Amino acid sequence: MLWLEQGLYLRVQELPNGPRPLPLQSGFSSGTAYRALGCFNPSETSDAYYILSNDRDEIWFICNRHLRTVCLQPAQRAFRQPLAQCEFDEPMPAAIT
């Protein structure tokens, strides 16, 4: 496991033919920010797999290629939160809002 910045929240932007599992078919939502619980990088691949808790409270390893950063909220303890409730230093790109 790799050490992560505390309070790192990520959003799902699933790649159509990306690595499995496909997050949006595995209990994740594109309108939610997920707290990174950890990160794993197997030696046989250049991909990293973030450990996230989905909307069904299941723990999944999701490939970094499906994820985008949202914000850092080290004081926040929630596993997930709506994107609209995240604090942003800059306005969100139009494609996300």
C-alpha atoms as a PDB file:
ATOM      1  CA  MET A   1       0.000   0.000   0.000  1.00  0.00           C
ATOM      2  CA  LEU A   2       1.145   3.531  -0.729  1.00  0.00           C
ATOM      3  CA  TRP A   3       0.653   6.466   1.593  1.00  0.00           C
ATOM      4  CA  LEU A   4      -1.876   9.049   0.376  1.00  0.00           C
ATOM      5  CA  GLU A   5      -2.625  12.629   1.163  1.00  0.00           C
ATOM      6  CA  GLN A   6      -5.144  12.621   4.016  1.00  0.00           C
ATOM      7  CA  GLY A   7      -8.663  13.539   2.906  1.00  0.00           C
ATOM      8  CA  LEU A   8      -8.138  12.981  -0.832  1.00  0.00           C
ATOM      9  CA  TYR A   9     -11.508  12.770  -2.606  1.00  0.00           C
ATOM     10  CA  LEU A  10     -11.867  11.338  -6.105  1.00  0.00           C
ATOM     11  CA  ARG A  11     -14.664  11.210  -8.670  1.00  0.00           C
ATOM     12  CA  VAL A  12     -15.367   8.458 -11.171  1.00  0.00           C
ATOM     13  CA  GLN A  13     -14.884   9.167 -14.865  1.00  0.00           C
ATOM     14  CA  GLU A  14     -15.175   5.671 -16.264  1.00  0.00           C
ATOM     15  CA  LEU A  15     -13.269   4.865 -19.443  1.00  0.00           C
ATOM     16  CA  PRO A  16     -15.525   3.020 -21.938  1.00  0.00           C
ATOM     17  CA  ASN A  17     -13.066   0.166 -22.536  1.00  0.00           C
ATOM     18  CA  GLY A  18     -10.962   0.722 -19.439  1.00  0.00           C
ATOM     19  CA  PRO A  19      -9.610  -1.833 -17.002  1.00  0.00           C
ATOM     20  CA  ARG A  20     -12.008  -3.940 -14.983  1.00  0.00           C
ATOM     21  CA  PRO A  21     -13.901  -3.551 -12.765  1.00  0.00           C
ATOM     22  CA  LEU A  22     -15.880  -0.749 -14.372  1.00  0.00           C
ATOM     23  CA  PRO A  23     -16.802   1.465 -11.408  1.00  0.00           C
ATOM     24  CA  LEU A  24     -20.171   2.726 -12.660  1.00  0.00           C
ATOM     25  CA  GLN A  25     -21.259  -0.914 -13.001  1.00  0.00           C
ATOM     26  CA  SER A  26     -19.915  -1.750  -9.533  1.00  0.00           C
ATOM     27  CA  GLY A  27     -21.926   0.477  -7.207  1.00  0.00           C
ATOM     28  CA  PHE A  28     -20.214   3.827  -7.813  1.00  0.00           C
ATOM     29  CA  SER A  29     -21.881   7.035  -9.024  1.00  0.00           C
ATOM     30  CA  SER A  30     -20.532   9.806 -11.257  1.00  0.00           C
ATOM     31  CA  GLY A  31     -22.138  12.436  -8.980  1.00  0.00           C
ATOM     32  CA  THR A  32     -20.258  11.387  -5.844  1.00  0.00           C
ATOM     33  CA  ALA A  33     -16.815  12.168  -4.463  1.00  0.00           C
ATOM     34  CA  TYR A  34     -15.168   9.130  -2.815  1.00  0.00           C
ATOM     35  CA  ARG A  35     -12.527   9.322  -0.109  1.00  0.00           C
ATOM     36  CA  ALA A  36      -9.358   7.415  -1.027  1.00  0.00           C
ATOM     37  CA  LEU A  37      -8.838   4.848   1.721  1.00  0.00           C
ATOM     38  CA  GLY A  38      -5.558   3.599   0.284  1.00  0.00           C
ATOM     39  CA  CYS A  39      -3.690   2.842  -2.900  1.00  0.00           C
ATOM     40  CA  PHE A  40      -2.093  -0.353  -4.216  1.00  0.00           C
ATOM     41  CA  ASN A  41       0.385  -0.658  -7.062  1.00  0.00           C
ATOM     42  CA  PRO A  42       1.025  -4.246  -8.175  1.00  0.00           C
ATOM     43  CA  SER A  43       4.513  -4.769  -9.527  1.00  0.00           C
ATOM     44  CA  GLU A  44       3.281  -6.336 -12.782  1.00  0.00           C
ATOM     45  CA  THR A  45       1.458  -3.194 -13.976  1.00  0.00           C
ATOM     46  CA  SER A  46       2.009   0.545 -14.227  1.00  0.00           C
ATOM     47  CA  ASP A  47      -1.547   1.184 -12.948  1.00  0.00           C
ATOM     48  CA  ALA A  48      -2.364   2.041  -9.372  1.00  0.00           C
ATOM     49  CA  TYR A  49      -5.566   0.827  -7.740  1.00  0.00           C
ATOM     50  CA  TYR A  50      -7.297   3.132  -5.280  1.00  0.00           C
ATOM     51  CA  ILE A  51      -9.239   1.604  -2.414  1.00  0.00           C
ATOM     52  CA  LEU A  52     -12.714   3.149  -2.249  1.00  0.00           C
ATOM     53  CA  SER A  53     -15.994   2.392  -0.490  1.00  0.00           C
ATOM     54  CA  ASN A  54     -18.863   2.353  -3.012  1.00  0.00           C
ATOM     55  CA  ASP A  55     -22.484   3.430  -2.479  1.00  0.00           C
ATOM     56  CA  ARG A  56     -23.311  -0.073  -1.167  1.00  0.00           C
ATOM     57  CA  ASP A  57     -20.548   0.157   1.505  1.00  0.00           C
ATOM     58  CA  GLU A  58     -18.426  -2.415  -0.351  1.00  0.00           C
ATOM     59  CA  ILE A  59     -14.644  -1.990  -0.577  1.00  0.00           C
ATOM     60  CA  TRP A  60     -13.264  -1.977  -4.141  1.00  0.00           C
ATOM     61  CA  PHE A  61      -9.883  -1.551  -5.801  1.00  0.00           C
ATOM     62  CA  ILE A  62     -10.495   0.835  -8.741  1.00  0.00           C
ATOM     63  CA  CYS A  63      -7.866   1.583 -11.399  1.00  0.00           C
ATOM     64  CA  ASN A  64      -6.498   5.121 -11.309  1.00  0.00           C
ATOM     65  CA  ARG A  65      -7.391   5.576 -14.985  1.00  0.00           C
ATOM     66  CA  HIS A  66     -11.094   5.725 -14.015  1.00  0.00           C
ATOM     67  CA  LEU A  67     -10.559   8.403 -11.341  1.00  0.00           C
ATOM     68  CA  ARG A  68     -10.067  12.174 -11.220  1.00  0.00           C
ATOM     69  CA  THR A  69      -9.155  14.326  -8.227  1.00  0.00           C
ATOM     70  CA  VAL A  70     -11.859  16.428  -6.589  1.00  0.00           C
ATOM     71  CA  CYS A  71     -10.539  18.026  -3.413  1.00  0.00           C
ATOM     72  CA  LEU A  72      -8.545  17.622  -0.219  1.00  0.00           C
ATOM     73  CA  GLN A  73     -10.610  17.685   2.960  1.00  0.00           C
ATOM     74  CA  PRO A  74      -8.410  16.240   5.728  1.00  0.00           C
ATOM     75  CA  ALA A  75     -10.902  17.177   8.462  1.00  0.00           C
ATOM     76  CA  GLN A  76     -13.755  15.364   6.678  1.00  0.00           C
ATOM     77  CA  ARG A  77     -14.329  11.735   7.759  1.00  0.00           C
ATOM     78  CA  ALA A  78     -17.095  10.642   5.343  1.00  0.00           C
ATOM     79  CA  PHE A  79     -16.397   7.790   2.910  1.00  0.00           C
ATOM     80  CA  ARG A  80     -18.314   9.624   0.201  1.00  0.00           C
ATOM     81  CA  GLN A  81     -20.156  12.884  -0.387  1.00  0.00           C
ATOM     82  CA  PRO A  82     -22.097  14.529  -3.224  1.00  0.00           C
ATOM     83  CA  LEU A  83     -19.835  16.449  -5.599  1.00  0.00           C
ATOM     84  CA  ALA A  84     -21.983  19.542  -5.027  1.00  0.00           C
ATOM     85  CA  GLN A  85     -20.962  19.572  -1.334  1.00  0.00           C
ATOM     86  CA  CYS A  86     -17.211  19.510  -1.980  1.00  0.00           C
ATOM     87  CA  GLU A  87     -15.221  22.658  -1.398  1.00  0.00           C
ATOM     88  CA  PHE A  88     -13.324  23.792  -4.474  1.00  0.00           C
ATOM     89  CA  ASP A  89     -10.524  26.335  -4.743  1.00  0.00           C
ATOM     90  CA  GLU A  90     -11.438  26.884  -8.388  1.00  0.00           C
ATOM     91  CA  PRO A  91     -14.761  26.562 -10.239  1.00  0.00           C
ATOM     92  CA  MET A  92     -15.514  23.045 -11.495  1.00  0.00           C
ATOM     93  CA  PRO A  93     -15.117  22.516 -15.263  1.00  0.00           C
ATOM     94  CA  ALA A  94     -18.396  22.842 -17.166  1.00  0.00           C
ATOM     95  CA  ALA A  95     -18.351  19.124 -18.067  1.00  0.00           C
ATOM     96  CA  ILE A  96     -18.712  18.189 -14.369  1.00  0.00           C
ATOM     97  CA  THR A  97     -21.370  20.657 -13.195  1.00  0.00           C
END
